[in-house]
N, C-alpha and C. Protein backbone atom coordinates (compact mmCIF):
# COMPACT_ATOMS: atom_id res chain seq x y z
N UNK A 1 114.23 55.84 220.16
CA UNK A 1 113.80 56.67 219.16
C UNK A 1 112.75 56.28 218.82
N UNK A 2 111.61 56.83 218.55
CA UNK A 2 110.18 56.65 217.77
C UNK A 2 110.42 57.15 216.72
N UNK A 3 109.50 56.20 215.82
CA UNK A 3 109.69 57.02 214.21
C UNK A 3 109.52 58.13 214.22
N UNK A 4 108.57 59.56 214.30
CA UNK A 4 108.95 60.76 214.64
C UNK A 4 110.50 60.61 214.64
N UNK A 5 110.96 60.61 215.78
CA UNK A 5 112.10 61.80 215.60
C UNK A 5 113.47 60.68 214.91
N UNK A 6 113.26 59.28 214.58
CA UNK A 6 114.20 58.84 213.86
C UNK A 6 113.88 59.70 212.11
N UNK A 7 112.23 60.10 211.50
CA UNK A 7 112.51 60.93 210.59
C UNK A 7 113.22 62.12 210.44
N UNK A 8 113.16 62.55 211.66
CA UNK A 8 113.21 64.42 211.55
C UNK A 8 114.95 63.79 211.62
N UNK A 9 115.53 62.67 211.98
CA UNK A 9 117.30 63.08 212.04
C UNK A 9 117.66 62.64 211.20
N UNK A 10 116.43 61.59 210.24
CA UNK A 10 117.23 61.76 208.83
C UNK A 10 117.56 62.79 207.91
N UNK A 11 116.12 63.55 208.23
CA UNK A 11 116.15 65.02 207.50
C UNK A 11 117.38 65.87 207.72
N UNK A 12 117.17 66.23 209.07
CA UNK A 12 118.45 66.96 209.55
C UNK A 12 119.76 66.28 208.90
N UNK A 13 120.28 64.98 209.30
CA UNK A 13 121.55 64.51 208.32
C UNK A 13 121.28 64.50 206.89
N UNK A 14 120.57 64.24 205.94
CA UNK A 14 120.48 64.31 204.73
C UNK A 14 120.69 65.87 204.01
N UNK A 15 119.72 66.80 205.13
CA UNK A 15 119.88 67.83 204.82
C UNK A 15 121.53 69.13 204.77
N UNK A 16 122.02 68.16 205.65
CA UNK A 16 123.57 68.69 205.64
C UNK A 16 124.23 69.30 205.18
N UNK A 17 124.05 68.68 203.42
CA UNK A 17 124.86 69.32 202.66
C UNK A 17 125.96 68.35 202.35
N UNK A 18 126.19 67.28 202.76
CA UNK A 18 127.83 66.74 202.95
C UNK A 18 127.42 65.66 201.85
N UNK A 19 126.42 65.06 201.45
CA UNK A 19 126.09 64.29 200.05
C UNK A 19 126.35 64.79 198.93
N UNK A 20 126.04 65.88 198.82
CA UNK A 20 125.63 66.96 197.18
C UNK A 20 124.39 67.90 197.01
N UNK A 21 124.33 67.26 195.87
CA UNK A 21 123.12 67.92 195.31
C UNK A 21 122.00 67.85 195.53
N UNK A 22 121.04 68.20 196.93
CA UNK A 22 119.70 67.13 197.73
C UNK A 22 118.73 68.03 196.85
N UNK A 23 117.79 67.37 195.98
CA UNK A 23 116.65 67.78 195.68
C UNK A 23 115.42 66.76 196.51
N UNK A 24 114.33 67.66 196.73
CA UNK A 24 112.90 66.88 196.63
C UNK A 24 112.94 65.56 197.61
N UNK A 25 113.20 66.28 198.89
CA UNK A 25 113.84 64.89 200.00
C UNK A 25 112.25 64.50 200.50
N UNK A 26 111.85 62.71 200.34
CA UNK A 26 110.72 62.44 201.08
C UNK A 26 111.06 61.88 202.50
N UNK A 27 110.85 61.86 203.28
CA UNK A 27 110.70 60.45 204.20
C UNK A 27 109.53 60.45 205.67
N UNK A 28 109.17 59.04 205.18
CA UNK A 28 107.95 58.74 205.32
C UNK A 28 108.22 57.46 206.36
N UNK A 29 107.64 57.60 207.69
CA UNK A 29 107.84 56.17 209.14
C UNK A 29 106.47 55.87 207.89
N UNK A 30 106.81 54.16 208.70
CA UNK A 30 105.51 53.21 208.39
C UNK A 30 106.23 52.51 209.82
N UNK A 31 105.16 51.78 209.88
CA UNK A 31 104.93 50.42 210.63
C UNK A 31 105.99 49.33 210.19
N UNK A 32 106.67 49.57 209.25
CA UNK A 32 108.12 48.41 208.91
C UNK A 32 109.76 49.12 209.26
N UNK A 33 108.69 50.35 208.56
CA UNK A 33 109.87 51.26 208.72
C UNK A 33 110.46 52.63 208.59
N UNK A 34 111.44 53.04 207.51
CA UNK A 34 111.09 54.20 207.10
C UNK A 34 111.47 54.48 205.37
N UNK A 35 110.87 54.60 204.83
CA UNK A 35 111.22 54.91 203.23
C UNK A 35 111.84 56.66 202.88
N UNK A 36 112.42 56.72 202.09
CA UNK A 36 113.31 57.54 201.72
C UNK A 36 113.57 58.18 200.39
N UNK A 37 112.82 59.17 200.23
CA UNK A 37 112.79 59.44 198.66
C UNK A 37 113.84 60.40 197.96
N UNK A 38 114.25 60.58 197.11
CA UNK A 38 114.87 62.13 196.78
C UNK A 38 115.73 62.27 195.50
N UNK A 39 116.24 63.15 195.15
CA UNK A 39 116.83 63.24 194.24
C UNK A 39 118.69 64.04 194.80
N UNK A 40 119.41 62.80 194.18
CA UNK A 40 120.71 63.21 194.96
C UNK A 40 121.82 63.38 193.65
N UNK A 41 122.27 64.23 193.54
CA UNK A 41 123.18 64.83 192.16
C UNK A 41 123.16 64.13 190.90
N UNK A 42 121.38 64.87 190.97
CA UNK A 42 120.43 64.05 189.61
C UNK A 42 120.36 62.80 189.33
N UNK A 43 120.58 62.06 190.71
CA UNK A 43 119.86 60.73 190.38
C UNK A 43 118.72 60.93 191.55
N UNK A 44 117.65 59.66 190.81
CA UNK A 44 117.05 59.23 191.53
C UNK A 44 117.01 58.49 192.81
N UNK A 45 117.00 58.65 193.62
CA UNK A 45 117.20 57.71 194.85
C UNK A 45 116.26 57.62 195.98
N UNK A 46 116.19 55.64 196.24
CA UNK A 46 115.39 55.67 196.84
C UNK A 46 115.40 54.47 198.16
N UNK A 47 115.99 54.41 198.89
CA UNK A 47 116.14 53.84 200.13
C UNK A 47 114.73 53.41 201.89
N UNK A 48 114.72 52.34 201.90
CA UNK A 48 114.07 51.78 203.18
C UNK A 48 115.33 51.47 203.76
N UNK A 49 115.02 51.55 205.56
CA UNK A 49 115.75 51.76 206.57
C UNK A 49 114.25 50.98 207.55
N UNK A 50 115.43 49.66 207.68
CA UNK A 50 114.49 48.87 208.69
C UNK A 50 115.17 48.75 210.02
N UNK A 51 114.27 49.04 211.22
CA UNK A 51 115.57 48.58 212.30
C UNK A 51 115.44 47.47 212.89
N UNK A 52 116.63 46.94 213.06
CA UNK A 52 116.97 45.37 213.68
C UNK A 52 117.98 45.21 214.99
N UNK A 53 118.27 44.67 215.09
CA UNK A 53 119.03 44.56 216.23
C UNK A 53 120.52 44.59 216.36
N UNK A 54 121.21 44.84 214.93
CA UNK A 54 122.33 45.05 215.05
C UNK A 54 122.35 46.97 214.51
N UNK A 55 121.67 47.35 214.42
CA UNK A 55 121.58 48.52 213.93
C UNK A 55 120.30 48.89 213.02
N UNK A 56 120.69 49.21 211.78
CA UNK A 56 119.69 49.46 210.64
C UNK A 56 119.71 48.62 209.24
N UNK A 57 119.17 47.88 209.10
CA UNK A 57 119.05 47.41 207.34
C UNK A 57 119.06 48.55 206.47
N UNK A 58 119.70 48.81 205.39
CA UNK A 58 119.39 49.89 204.59
C UNK A 58 119.51 49.47 203.02
N UNK A 59 118.01 49.54 202.22
CA UNK A 59 118.00 49.09 201.37
C UNK A 59 118.09 49.26 200.61
N UNK A 60 118.91 49.65 199.32
CA UNK A 60 118.75 50.85 198.39
C UNK A 60 118.42 49.90 197.07
N UNK A 61 116.64 50.96 196.42
CA UNK A 61 115.77 50.43 195.38
C UNK A 61 116.14 50.95 194.23
N UNK A 62 116.82 50.51 193.42
CA UNK A 62 117.54 51.55 192.04
C UNK A 62 117.45 50.44 190.53
N UNK A 63 116.84 51.37 189.74
CA UNK A 63 116.43 50.31 188.55
C UNK A 63 115.79 48.94 188.71
N UNK A 64 115.57 48.57 189.41
CA UNK A 64 114.86 46.99 189.67
C UNK A 64 116.19 46.64 190.45
N UNK A 65 116.74 47.05 191.00
CA UNK A 65 118.03 46.31 191.78
C UNK A 65 117.81 46.56 192.96
N UNK A 66 118.24 46.03 193.55
CA UNK A 66 118.01 45.87 195.42
C UNK A 66 119.24 45.68 195.73
N UNK A 67 120.00 46.29 196.88
CA UNK A 67 121.27 46.02 197.44
C UNK A 67 120.56 46.25 198.97
N UNK A 68 121.19 45.82 200.05
CA UNK A 68 121.32 45.74 200.98
C UNK A 68 122.48 45.79 202.08
N UNK A 69 122.25 46.96 202.51
CA UNK A 69 123.69 47.40 203.20
C UNK A 69 123.23 47.17 205.09
N UNK A 70 123.99 46.49 205.66
CA UNK A 70 123.69 46.84 207.42
C UNK A 70 124.99 48.07 208.24
N UNK A 71 123.54 49.03 208.52
CA UNK A 71 124.54 49.67 208.99
C UNK A 71 124.29 49.90 210.54
N UNK A 72 125.25 50.62 211.35
CA UNK A 72 125.15 50.65 213.01
C UNK A 72 124.03 51.91 213.15
N UNK A 73 124.75 53.06 212.72
CA UNK A 73 124.21 54.37 212.93
C UNK A 73 123.24 54.92 211.84
N UNK A 74 122.54 55.98 212.17
CA UNK A 74 121.69 56.67 211.13
C UNK A 74 122.96 57.40 210.25
N UNK A 75 123.59 57.86 211.10
CA UNK A 75 124.63 58.70 210.70
C UNK A 75 125.03 58.29 209.56
N UNK A 76 125.13 56.43 209.75
CA UNK A 76 125.97 55.95 208.47
C UNK A 76 125.31 55.98 207.29
N UNK A 77 124.37 56.20 207.22
CA UNK A 77 123.56 56.78 206.06
C UNK A 77 124.15 57.51 204.31
N UNK A 78 125.06 58.70 205.56
CA UNK A 78 125.61 59.65 204.38
C UNK A 78 126.55 59.23 203.51
N UNK A 79 127.63 57.73 204.58
CA UNK A 79 128.96 57.45 204.01
C UNK A 79 127.82 56.53 203.18
N UNK A 80 126.96 55.61 203.06
CA UNK A 80 126.71 54.95 201.86
C UNK A 80 126.46 55.81 200.81
N UNK A 81 125.71 56.80 200.78
CA UNK A 81 125.13 57.35 199.63
C UNK A 81 126.50 58.15 199.02
N UNK A 82 127.28 58.55 199.69
CA UNK A 82 128.71 59.13 198.84
C UNK A 82 129.32 58.08 198.45
N UNK A 83 129.20 56.80 198.66
CA UNK A 83 129.98 56.03 197.79
C UNK A 83 129.04 55.42 196.75
N UNK A 84 127.84 55.49 196.70
CA UNK A 84 126.84 55.02 195.58
C UNK A 84 126.19 56.30 194.58
N UNK A 85 126.40 57.55 195.34
CA UNK A 85 125.79 58.32 194.08
C UNK A 85 127.11 59.35 194.81
């Protein structure tokens, strides 16, 4: 999957409405991976997504805190966001 396809799949996943109230979604691919910014349930959320051998490293950037979660597939983003926000 190229970066444009990954960008589009992320937009569709997040736009499905399964995670709550979503506003101002920005999905931007770069050489290193994908940056996602949005307002989710009235919280500003920033996620860096980096492809690796085991799937994806999902880095949540929140108020100067940084946590990293390994996910297998892009659809796993929804479960992580539901549990954090």
